[in-house]
């Protein structure tokens, strides 16, 4: 039995959710989310305050498409350069859709 990839729409065999290419991109984009240090950082008051400030400064406008920004993206991922985790110039206010695109491009 076949079904469509939940990400790109290609045909995949049931019970898979995604095609190989999308699975690979997804795995790359989520790597580090389960890292205890990263998880602790994203739950910290410092990150919550800074990300809220960034969204407010951008008037909740996505810096890519002009839509409603709901997420704050690290341009240089924190796993690549931990020192930039609270660097305001390393942040981008993005809508959910643009944020997903940015994360899967890595």
PDB file of N, CA and C in Angstrom:
ATOM      1  N   UNK A   1       0.849  -1.170   0.000  1.00  0.00           N
ATOM      2  CA  UNK A   1       0.000   0.000   0.000  1.00  0.00           C
ATOM      3  C   UNK A   1       0.902   1.244   0.000  1.00  0.00           C
ATOM      4  N   UNK A   2       0.485   2.253  -0.701  1.00  0.00           N
ATOM      5  CA  UNK A   2       1.257   3.493  -0.809  1.00  0.00           C
ATOM      6  C   UNK A   2       0.464   4.658  -0.216  1.00  0.00           C
ATOM      7  N   UNK A   3       1.203   5.666   0.196  1.00  0.00           N
ATOM      8  CA  UNK A   3       0.586   6.921   0.655  1.00  0.00           C
ATOM      9  C   UNK A   3       1.529   8.053   0.297  1.00  0.00           C
ATOM     10  N   UNK A   4       1.123   9.288   0.554  1.00  0.00           N
ATOM     11  CA  UNK A   4       1.927  10.438   0.199  1.00  0.00           C
ATOM     12  C   UNK A   4       2.812  10.864   1.376  1.00  0.00           C
ATOM     13  N   UNK A   5       4.025  11.300   1.041  1.00  0.00           N
ATOM     14  CA  UNK A   5       4.951  11.844   2.028  1.00  0.00           C
ATOM     15  C   UNK A   5       4.271  13.051   2.678  1.00  0.00           C
ATOM     16  N   UNK A   6       4.327  13.110   4.004  1.00  0.00           N
ATOM     17  CA  UNK A   6       3.655  14.198   4.719  1.00  0.00           C
ATOM     18  C   UNK A   6       4.316  15.549   4.502  1.00  0.00           C
ATOM     19  N   UNK A   7       5.515  15.541   3.920  1.00  0.00           N
ATOM     20  CA  UNK A   7       6.232  16.801   3.717  1.00  0.00           C
ATOM     21  C   UNK A   7       6.184  17.272   2.269  1.00  0.00           C
ATOM     22  N   UNK A   8       6.560  16.403   1.330  1.00  0.00           N
ATOM     23  CA  UNK A   8       6.694  16.851  -0.062  1.00  0.00           C
ATOM     24  C   UNK A   8       5.629  16.280  -1.003  1.00  0.00           C
ATOM     25  N   UNK A   9       4.912  15.256  -0.564  1.00  0.00           N
ATOM     26  CA  UNK A   9       3.845  14.704  -1.388  1.00  0.00           C
ATOM     27  C   UNK A   9       4.245  13.538  -2.277  1.00  0.00           C
ATOM     28  N   UNK A  10       5.528  13.125  -2.250  1.00  0.00           N
ATOM     29  CA  UNK A  10       5.946  11.960  -3.030  1.00  0.00           C
ATOM     30  C   UNK A  10       5.283  10.705  -2.474  1.00  0.00           C
ATOM     31  N   UNK A  11       5.158   9.697  -3.324  1.00  0.00           N
ATOM     32  CA  UNK A  11       4.593   8.435  -2.870  1.00  0.00           C
ATOM     33  C   UNK A  11       5.614   7.667  -2.031  1.00  0.00           C
ATOM     34  N   UNK A  12       5.156   7.155  -0.892  1.00  0.00           N
ATOM     35  CA  UNK A  12       5.986   6.327  -0.018  1.00  0.00           C
ATOM     36  C   UNK A  12       5.180   5.104   0.382  1.00  0.00           C
ATOM     37  N   UNK A  13       5.878   4.048   0.749  1.00  0.00           N
ATOM     38  CA  UNK A  13       5.162   2.847   1.152  1.00  0.00           C
ATOM     39  C   UNK A  13       4.657   2.994   2.586  1.00  0.00           C
ATOM     40  N   UNK A  14       3.443   2.537   2.792  1.00  0.00           N
ATOM     41  CA  UNK A  14       2.828   2.549   4.117  1.00  0.00           C
ATOM     42  C   UNK A  14       3.616   1.612   5.014  1.00  0.00           C
ATOM     43  N   UNK A  15       3.923   1.880   6.235  1.00  0.00           N
ATOM     44  CA  UNK A  15       3.426   2.927   7.123  1.00  0.00           C
ATOM     45  C   UNK A  15       4.354   4.130   7.252  1.00  0.00           C
ATOM     46  N   UNK A  16       5.336   4.285   6.355  1.00  0.00           N
ATOM     47  CA  UNK A  16       6.254   5.429   6.442  1.00  0.00           C
ATOM     48  C   UNK A  16       5.489   6.740   6.376  1.00  0.00           C
ATOM     49  N   UNK A  17       6.012   7.750   7.079  1.00  0.00           N
ATOM     50  CA  UNK A  17       5.417   9.087   7.067  1.00  0.00           C
ATOM     51  C   UNK A  17       6.003   9.963   5.988  1.00  0.00           C
ATOM     52  N   UNK A  18       7.336   9.790   5.757  1.00  0.00           N
ATOM     53  CA  UNK A  18       8.046  10.657   4.826  1.00  0.00           C
ATOM     54  C   UNK A  18       8.929   9.833   3.899  1.00  0.00           C
ATOM     55  N   UNK A  19       9.261  10.453   2.760  1.00  0.00           N
ATOM     56  CA  UNK A  19      10.207   9.832   1.834  1.00  0.00           C
ATOM     57  C   UNK A  19      11.609   9.901   2.451  1.00  0.00           C
ATOM     58  N   UNK A  20      12.562   9.189   1.877  1.00  0.00           N
ATOM     59  CA  UNK A  20      13.924   9.144   2.412  1.00  0.00           C
ATOM     60  C   UNK A  20      14.552  10.541   2.496  1.00  0.00           C
ATOM     61  N   UNK A  21      14.372  11.330   1.434  1.00  0.00           N
ATOM     62  CA  UNK A  21      14.971  12.668   1.401  1.00  0.00           C
ATOM     63  C   UNK A  21      14.422  13.558   2.520  1.00  0.00           C
ATOM     64  N   UNK A  22      13.108  13.564   2.681  1.00  0.00           N
ATOM     65  CA  UNK A  22      12.499  14.395   3.727  1.00  0.00           C
ATOM     66  C   UNK A  22      12.849  13.873   5.112  1.00  0.00           C
ATOM     67  N   UNK A  23      12.931  12.563   5.269  1.00  0.00           N
ATOM     68  CA  UNK A  23      13.328  11.974   6.553  1.00  0.00           C
ATOM     69  C   UNK A  23      14.731  12.431   6.937  1.00  0.00           C
ATOM     70  N   UNK A  24      15.617  12.437   5.950  1.00  0.00           N
ATOM     71  CA  UNK A  24      16.993  12.859   6.180  1.00  0.00           C
ATOM     72  C   UNK A  24      17.051  14.331   6.588  1.00  0.00           C
ATOM     73  N   UNK A  25      16.339  15.185   5.857  1.00  0.00           N
ATOM     74  CA  UNK A  25      16.309  16.618   6.181  1.00  0.00           C
ATOM     75  C   UNK A  25      15.713  16.844   7.567  1.00  0.00           C
ATOM     76  N   UNK A  26      14.656  16.086   7.886  1.00  0.00           N
ATOM     77  CA  UNK A  26      14.005  16.227   9.187  1.00  0.00           C
ATOM     78  C   UNK A  26      14.962  15.828  10.302  1.00  0.00           C
ATOM     79  N   UNK A  27      15.673  14.728  10.110  1.00  0.00           N
ATOM     80  CA  UNK A  27      16.625  14.256  11.118  1.00  0.00           C
ATOM     81  C   UNK A  27      17.700  15.308  11.364  1.00  0.00           C
ATOM     82  N   UNK A  28      18.192  15.927  10.289  1.00  0.00           N
ATOM     83  CA  UNK A  28      19.212  16.974  10.432  1.00  0.00           C
ATOM     84  C   UNK A  28      18.656  18.190  11.167  1.00  0.00           C
ATOM     85  N   UNK A  29      17.418  18.558  10.827  1.00  0.00           N
ATOM     86  CA  UNK A  29      16.844  19.770  11.419  1.00  0.00           C
ATOM     87  C   UNK A  29      16.493  19.585  12.887  1.00  0.00           C
ATOM     88  N   UNK A  30      16.255  18.360  13.308  1.00  0.00           N
ATOM     89  CA  UNK A  30      15.897  18.139  14.702  1.00  0.00           C
ATOM     90  C   UNK A  30      17.075  17.686  15.541  1.00  0.00           C
ATOM     91  N   UNK A  31      18.227  17.465  14.906  1.00  0.00           N
ATOM     92  CA  UNK A  31      19.378  17.040  15.695  1.00  0.00           C
ATOM     93  C   UNK A  31      19.730  18.146  16.685  1.00  0.00           C
ATOM     94  N   UNK A  32      19.979  17.765  17.888  1.00  0.00           N
ATOM     95  CA  UNK A  32      20.309  18.746  18.917  1.00  0.00           C
ATOM     96  C   UNK A  32      19.137  19.153  19.771  1.00  0.00           C
ATOM     97  N   UNK A  33      17.923  18.945  19.307  1.00  0.00           N
ATOM     98  CA  UNK A  33      16.769  19.332  20.121  1.00  0.00           C
ATOM     99  C   UNK A  33      16.664  18.493  21.378  1.00  0.00           C
ATOM    100  N   UNK A  34      17.233  17.317  21.325  1.00  0.00           N
ATOM    101  CA  UNK A  34      17.173  16.442  22.488  1.00  0.00           C
ATOM    102  C   UNK A  34      18.441  16.553  23.328  1.00  0.00           C
ATOM    103  N   UNK A  35      19.353  17.417  22.896  1.00  0.00           N
ATOM    104  CA  UNK A  35      20.563  17.686  23.644  1.00  0.00           C
ATOM    105  C   UNK A  35      20.168  18.384  24.944  1.00  0.00           C
ATOM    106  N   UNK A  36      20.566  17.831  26.100  1.00  0.00           N
ATOM    107  CA  UNK A  36      20.138  18.418  27.374  1.00  0.00           C
ATOM    108  C   UNK A  36      20.514  19.894  27.531  1.00  0.00           C
ATOM    109  N   UNK A  37      21.701  20.275  27.071  1.00  0.00           N
ATOM    110  CA  UNK A  37      22.125  21.673  27.206  1.00  0.00           C
ATOM    111  C   UNK A  37      21.246  22.581  26.357  1.00  0.00           C
ATOM    112  N   UNK A  38      20.929  22.159  25.125  1.00  0.00           N
ATOM    113  CA  UNK A  38      20.063  22.955  24.244  1.00  0.00           C
ATOM    114  C   UNK A  38      18.658  23.064  24.818  1.00  0.00           C
ATOM    115  N   UNK A  39      18.143  21.942  25.293  1.00  0.00           N
ATOM    116  CA  UNK A  39      16.789  21.932  25.860  1.00  0.00           C
ATOM    117  C   UNK A  39      16.728  22.866  27.071  1.00  0.00           C
ATOM    118  N   UNK A  40      17.754  22.813  27.913  1.00  0.00           N
ATOM    119  CA  UNK A  40      17.802  23.683  29.083  1.00  0.00           C
ATOM    120  C   UNK A  40      17.853  25.151  28.654  1.00  0.00           C
ATOM    121  N   UNK A  41      18.640  25.438  27.627  1.00  0.00           N
ATOM    122  CA  UNK A  41      18.741  26.810  27.137  1.00  0.00           C
ATOM    123  C   UNK A  41      17.389  27.319  26.630  1.00  0.00           C
ATOM    124  N   UNK A  42      16.711  26.531  25.791  1.00  0.00           N
ATOM    125  CA  UNK A  42      15.442  26.978  25.219  1.00  0.00           C
ATOM    126  C   UNK A  42      14.337  27.124  26.264  1.00  0.00           C
ATOM    127  N   UNK A  43      14.527  26.529  27.432  1.00  0.00           N
ATOM    128  CA  UNK A  43      13.563  26.688  28.522  1.00  0.00           C
ATOM    129  C   UNK A  43      13.985  27.767  29.517  1.00  0.00           C
ATOM    130  N   UNK A  44      15.117  28.413  29.262  1.00  0.00           N
ATOM    131  CA  UNK A  44      15.637  29.407  30.208  1.00  0.00           C
ATOM    132  C   UNK A  44      14.896  30.741  30.109  1.00  0.00           C
ATOM    133  N   UNK A  45      14.908  31.467  31.206  1.00  0.00           N
ATOM    134  CA  UNK A  45      14.296  32.804  31.235  1.00  0.00           C
ATOM    135  C   UNK A  45      15.027  33.732  30.274  1.00  0.00           C
ATOM    136  N   UNK A  46      16.353  33.611  30.201  1.00  0.00           N
ATOM    137  CA  UNK A  46      17.138  34.478  29.307  1.00  0.00           C
ATOM    138  C   UNK A  46      16.672  34.321  27.860  1.00  0.00           C
ATOM    139  N   UNK A  47      16.477  33.070  27.396  1.00  0.00           N
ATOM    140  CA  UNK A  47      16.034  32.852  26.015  1.00  0.00           C
ATOM    141  C   UNK A  47      14.594  33.332  25.821  1.00  0.00           C
ATOM    142  N   UNK A  48      13.737  33.031  26.754  1.00  0.00           N
ATOM    143  CA  UNK A  48      12.331  33.436  26.623  1.00  0.00           C
ATOM    144  C   UNK A  48      12.211  34.960  26.569  1.00  0.00           C
ATOM    145  N   UNK A  49      12.969  35.631  27.411  1.00  0.00           N
ATOM    146  CA  UNK A  49      12.936  37.102  27.406  1.00  0.00           C
ATOM    147  C   UNK A  49      13.493  37.670  26.101  1.00  0.00           C
ATOM    148  N   UNK A  50      14.630  37.131  25.654  1.00  0.00           N
ATOM    149  CA  UNK A  50      15.253  37.637  24.432  1.00  0.00           C
ATOM    150  C   UNK A  50      14.395  37.354  23.202  1.00  0.00           C
ATOM    151  N   UNK A  51      13.831  36.163  23.115  1.00  0.00           N
ATOM    152  CA  UNK A  51      13.014  35.833  21.939  1.00  0.00           C
ATOM    153  C   UNK A  51      11.739  36.674  21.907  1.00  0.00           C
ATOM    154  N   UNK A  52      11.151  36.926  23.074  1.00  0.00           N
ATOM    155  CA  UNK A  52       9.968  37.796  23.142  1.00  0.00           C
ATOM    156  C   UNK A  52      10.337  39.214  22.715  1.00  0.00           C
ATOM    157  N   UNK A  53      11.482  39.691  23.191  1.00  0.00           N
ATOM    158  CA  UNK A  53      11.958  41.028  22.824  1.00  0.00           C
ATOM    159  C   UNK A  53      12.159  41.131  21.314  1.00  0.00           C
ATOM    160  N   UNK A  54      12.781  40.104  20.711  1.00  0.00           N
ATOM    161  CA  UNK A  54      13.024  40.111  19.261  1.00  0.00           C
ATOM    162  C   UNK A  54      11.696  40.184  18.501  1.00  0.00           C
ATOM    163  N   UNK A  55      10.732  39.390  18.894  1.00  0.00           N
ATOM    164  CA  UNK A  55       9.422  39.414  18.223  1.00  0.00           C
ATOM    165  C   UNK A  55       8.769  40.790  18.364  1.00  0.00           C
ATOM    166  N   UNK A  56       8.865  41.369  19.545  1.00  0.00           N
ATOM    167  CA  UNK A  56       8.286  42.691  19.767  1.00  0.00           C
ATOM    168  C   UNK A  56       8.980  43.752  18.912  1.00  0.00           C
ATOM    169  N   UNK A  57      10.300  43.700  18.832  1.00  0.00           N
ATOM    170  CA  UNK A  57      11.054  44.673  18.045  1.00  0.00           C
ATOM    171  C   UNK A  57      10.711  44.586  16.562  1.00  0.00           C
ATOM    172  N   UNK A  58      10.400  43.395  16.110  1.00  0.00           N
ATOM    173  CA  UNK A  58      10.030  43.194  14.697  1.00  0.00           C
ATOM    174  C   UNK A  58       8.520  43.312  14.492  1.00  0.00           C
ATOM    175  N   UNK A  59       7.798  43.720  15.538  1.00  0.00           N
ATOM    176  CA  UNK A  59       6.344  43.898  15.493  1.00  0.00           C
ATOM    177  C   UNK A  59       5.643  42.620  15.032  1.00  0.00           C
ATOM    178  N   UNK A  60       6.197  41.485  15.471  1.00  0.00           N
ATOM    179  CA  UNK A  60       5.648  40.164  15.141  1.00  0.00           C
ATOM    180  C   UNK A  60       5.473  39.980  13.638  1.00  0.00           C
ATOM    181  N   UNK A  61       6.410  40.532  12.868  1.00  0.00           N
ATOM    182  CA  UNK A  61       6.395  40.415  11.410  1.00  0.00           C
ATOM    183  C   UNK A  61       7.543  39.518  10.968  1.00  0.00           C
ATOM    184  N   UNK A  62       7.229  38.519  10.170  1.00  0.00           N
ATOM    185  CA  UNK A  62       8.236  37.591   9.659  1.00  0.00           C
ATOM    186  C   UNK A  62       9.236  38.347   8.790  1.00  0.00           C
ATOM    187  N   UNK A  63      10.507  38.154   9.069  1.00  0.00           N
ATOM    188  CA  UNK A  63      11.556  38.846   8.325  1.00  0.00           C
ATOM    189  C   UNK A  63      11.795  38.235   6.948  1.00  0.00           C
ATOM    190  N   UNK A  64      11.159  37.127   6.653  1.00  0.00           N
ATOM    191  CA  UNK A  64      11.296  36.499   5.332  1.00  0.00           C
ATOM    192  C   UNK A  64      10.125  36.847   4.425  1.00  0.00           C
ATOM    193  N   UNK A  65       8.901  36.606   4.910  1.00  0.00           N
ATOM    194  CA  UNK A  65       7.735  36.741   4.021  1.00  0.00           C
ATOM    195  C   UNK A  65       6.784  37.868   4.401  1.00  0.00           C
ATOM    196  N   UNK A  66       6.987  38.482   5.566  1.00  0.00           N
ATOM    197  CA  UNK A  66       6.097  39.561   5.997  1.00  0.00           C
ATOM    198  C   UNK A  66       4.857  39.082   6.722  1.00  0.00           C
ATOM    199  N   UNK A  67       4.736  37.767   6.917  1.00  0.00           N
ATOM    200  CA  UNK A  67       3.595  37.205   7.645  1.00  0.00           C
ATOM    201  C   UNK A  67       3.729  37.464   9.141  1.00  0.00           C
ATOM    202  N   UNK A  68       2.934  36.749   9.916  1.00  0.00           N
ATOM    203  CA  UNK A  68       2.956  36.914  11.364  1.00  0.00           C
ATOM    204  C   UNK A  68       4.051  36.038  11.957  1.00  0.00           C
ATOM    205  N   UNK A  69       5.024  36.675  12.593  1.00  0.00           N
ATOM    206  CA  UNK A  69       6.147  35.950  13.194  1.00  0.00           C
ATOM    207  C   UNK A  69       5.721  35.345  14.520  1.00  0.00           C
ATOM    208  N   UNK A  70       6.025  34.068  14.684  1.00  0.00           N
ATOM    209  CA  UNK A  70       5.718  33.356  15.916  1.00  0.00           C
ATOM    210  C   UNK A  70       6.964  32.723  16.528  1.00  0.00           C
ATOM    211  N   UNK A  71       8.040  32.641  15.754  1.00  0.00           N
ATOM    212  CA  UNK A  71       9.251  31.947  16.175  1.00  0.00           C
ATOM    213  C   UNK A  71      10.468  32.853  16.031  1.00  0.00           C
ATOM    214  N   UNK A  72      11.482  32.570  16.830  1.00  0.00           N
ATOM    215  CA  UNK A  72      12.765  33.268  16.701  1.00  0.00           C
ATOM    216  C   UNK A  72      13.797  32.214  16.325  1.00  0.00           C
ATOM    217  N   UNK A  73      14.477  32.473  15.225  1.00  0.00           N
ATOM    218  CA  UNK A  73      15.418  31.530  14.620  1.00  0.00           C
ATOM    219  C   UNK A  73      16.851  31.978  14.856  1.00  0.00           C
ATOM    220  N   UNK A  74      17.721  31.016  15.191  1.00  0.00           N
ATOM    221  CA  UNK A  74      19.154  31.298  15.272  1.00  0.00           C
ATOM    222  C   UNK A  74      19.752  31.148  13.876  1.00  0.00           C
ATOM    223  N   UNK A  75      20.312  32.203  13.332  1.00  0.00           N
ATOM    224  CA  UNK A  75      20.926  32.165  12.003  1.00  0.00           C
ATOM    225  C   UNK A  75      22.095  31.184  12.023  1.00  0.00           C
ATOM    226  N   UNK A  76      22.979  31.340  12.976  1.00  0.00           N
ATOM    227  CA  UNK A  76      24.044  30.355  13.218  1.00  0.00           C
ATOM    228  C   UNK A  76      23.526  29.483  14.355  1.00  0.00           C
ATOM    229  N   UNK A  77      23.270  28.203  14.094  1.00  0.00           N
ATOM    230  CA  UNK A  77      22.693  27.325  15.119  1.00  0.00           C
ATOM    231  C   UNK A  77      23.544  27.270  16.391  1.00  0.00           C
ATOM    232  N   UNK A  78      22.882  27.122  17.510  1.00  0.00           N
ATOM    233  CA  UNK A  78      23.609  27.096  18.781  1.00  0.00           C
ATOM    234  C   UNK A  78      24.519  25.884  18.886  1.00  0.00           C
ATOM    235  N   UNK A  79      24.205  24.811  18.177  1.00  0.00           N
ATOM    236  CA  UNK A  79      25.095  23.646  18.197  1.00  0.00           C
ATOM    237  C   UNK A  79      26.386  23.908  17.433  1.00  0.00           C
ATOM    238  N   UNK A  80      26.340  24.857  16.503  1.00  0.00           N
ATOM    239  CA  UNK A  80      27.548  25.225  15.756  1.00  0.00           C
ATOM    240  C   UNK A  80      28.384  26.254  16.501  1.00  0.00           C
ATOM    241  N   UNK A  81      27.728  27.183  17.173  1.00  0.00           N
ATOM    242  CA  UNK A  81      28.448  28.215  17.924  1.00  0.00           C
ATOM    243  C   UNK A  81      27.638  28.596  19.156  1.00  0.00           C
ATOM    244  N   UNK A  82      27.934  27.919  20.244  1.00  0.00           N
ATOM    245  CA  UNK A  82      27.213  28.115  21.498  1.00  0.00           C
ATOM    246  C   UNK A  82      27.284  29.565  21.984  1.00  0.00           C
ATOM    247  N   UNK A  83      28.377  30.236  21.675  1.00  0.00           N
ATOM    248  CA  UNK A  83      28.558  31.608  22.155  1.00  0.00           C
ATOM    249  C   UNK A  83      27.560  32.586  21.531  1.00  0.00           C
ATOM    250  N   UNK A  84      26.920  32.208  20.427  1.00  0.00           N
ATOM    251  CA  UNK A  84      25.968  33.110  19.759  1.00  0.00           C
ATOM    252  C   UNK A  84      24.523  32.871  20.175  1.00  0.00           C
ATOM    253  N   UNK A  85      24.330  32.044  21.195  1.00  0.00           N
ATOM    254  CA  UNK A  85      22.967  31.677  21.575  1.00  0.00           C
ATOM    255  C   UNK A  85      22.129  32.866  22.036  1.00  0.00           C
ATOM    256  N   UNK A  86      22.758  33.871  22.651  1.00  0.00           N
ATOM    257  CA  UNK A  86      22.038  35.060  23.113  1.00  0.00           C
ATOM    258  C   UNK A  86      22.474  36.319  22.368  1.00  0.00           C
ATOM    259  N   UNK A  87      23.065  36.141  21.200  1.00  0.00           N
ATOM    260  CA  UNK A  87      23.521  37.251  20.360  1.00  0.00           C
ATOM    261  C   UNK A  87      22.328  37.754  19.538  1.00  0.00           C
ATOM    262  N   UNK A  88      21.865  38.947  19.864  1.00  0.00           N
ATOM    263  CA  UNK A  88      20.676  39.509  19.199  1.00  0.00           C
ATOM    264  C   UNK A  88      20.834  39.560  17.678  1.00  0.00           C
ATOM    265  N   UNK A  89      22.047  39.834  17.199  1.00  0.00           N
ATOM    266  CA  UNK A  89      22.275  39.935  15.752  1.00  0.00           C
ATOM    267  C   UNK A  89      22.237  38.566  15.065  1.00  0.00           C
ATOM    268  N   UNK A  90      22.184  37.493  15.842  1.00  0.00           N
ATOM    269  CA  UNK A  90      22.111  36.136  15.300  1.00  0.00           C
ATOM    270  C   UNK A  90      20.671  35.627  15.272  1.00  0.00           C
ATOM    271  N   UNK A  91      19.715  36.504  15.501  1.00  0.00           N
ATOM    272  CA  UNK A  91      18.313  36.084  15.587  1.00  0.00           C
ATOM    273  C   UNK A  91      17.490  36.645  14.437  1.00  0.00           C
ATOM    274  N   UNK A  92      16.471  35.887  14.067  1.00  0.00           N
ATOM    275  CA  UNK A  92      15.529  36.292  13.032  1.00  0.00           C
ATOM    276  C   UNK A  92      14.121  35.958  13.496  1.00  0.00           C
ATOM    277  N   UNK A  93      13.212  36.894  13.370  1.00  0.00           N
ATOM    278  CA  UNK A  93      11.805  36.651  13.669  1.00  0.00           C
ATOM    279  C   UNK A  93      11.168  36.038  12.423  1.00  0.00           C
ATOM    280  N   UNK A  94      10.561  34.862  12.591  1.00  0.00           N
ATOM    281  CA  UNK A  94       9.994  34.140  11.446  1.00  0.00           C
ATOM    282  C   UNK A  94       8.608  33.588  11.758  1.00  0.00           C
ATOM    283  N   UNK A  95       7.821  33.415  10.711  1.00  0.00           N
ATOM    284  CA  UNK A  95       6.559  32.703  10.852  1.00  0.00           C
ATOM    285  C   UNK A  95       6.882  31.207  10.921  1.00  0.00           C
ATOM    286  N   UNK A  96       5.935  30.410  11.284  1.00  0.00           N
ATOM    287  CA  UNK A  96       6.159  28.968  11.425  1.00  0.00           C
ATOM    288  C   UNK A  96       6.628  28.343  10.115  1.00  0.00           C
ATOM    289  N   UNK A  97       6.014  28.726   9.025  1.00  0.00           N
ATOM    290  CA  UNK A  97       6.356  28.161   7.718  1.00  0.00           C
ATOM    291  C   UNK A  97       7.795  28.483   7.305  1.00  0.00           C
ATOM    292  N   UNK A  98       8.185  29.733   7.440  1.00  0.00           N
ATOM    293  CA  UNK A  98       9.556  30.126   7.081  1.00  0.00           C
ATOM    294  C   UNK A  98      10.570  29.499   8.025  1.00  0.00           C
ATOM    295  N   UNK A  99      10.202  29.347   9.293  1.00  0.00           N
ATOM    296  CA  UNK A  99      11.101  28.731  10.256  1.00  0.00           C
ATOM    297  C   UNK A  99      11.349  27.262   9.892  1.00  0.00           C
ATOM    298  N   UNK A 100      10.301  26.564   9.501  1.00  0.00           N
ATOM    299  CA  UNK A 100      10.463  25.160   9.079  1.00  0.00           C
ATOM    300  C   UNK A 100      11.371  25.072   7.850  1.00  0.00           C
ATOM    301  N   UNK A 101      11.173  25.988   6.903  1.00  0.00           N
ATOM    302  CA  UNK A 101      12.014  25.986   5.708  1.00  0.00           C
ATOM    303  C   UNK A 101      13.479  26.218   6.066  1.00  0.00           C
ATOM    304  N   UNK A 102      13.735  27.171   6.952  1.00  0.00           N
ATOM    305  CA  UNK A 102      15.116  27.475   7.361  1.00  0.00           C
ATOM    306  C   UNK A 102      15.747  26.280   8.041  1.00  0.00           C
ATOM    307  N   UNK A 103      14.994  25.614   8.911  1.00  0.00           N
ATOM    308  CA  UNK A 103      15.552  24.476   9.636  1.00  0.00           C
ATOM    309  C   UNK A 103      15.835  23.292   8.723  1.00  0.00           C
ATOM    310  N   UNK A 104      15.040  23.088   7.698  1.00  0.00           N
ATOM    311  CA  UNK A 104      15.260  21.933   6.816  1.00  0.00           C
ATOM    312  C   UNK A 104      16.336  22.218   5.769  1.00  0.00           C
ATOM    313  N   UNK A 105      16.707  23.472   5.565  1.00  0.00           N
ATOM    314  CA  UNK A 105      17.776  23.795   4.598  1.00  0.00           C
ATOM    315  C   UNK A 105      19.149  23.441   5.120  1.00  0.00           C
ATOM    316  N   UNK A 106      19.295  23.322   6.424  1.00  0.00           N
ATOM    317  CA  UNK A 106      20.604  23.051   7.027  1.00  0.00           C
ATOM    318  C   UNK A 106      21.088  21.682   6.693  1.00  0.00           C
TER     319      UNK A 106
END
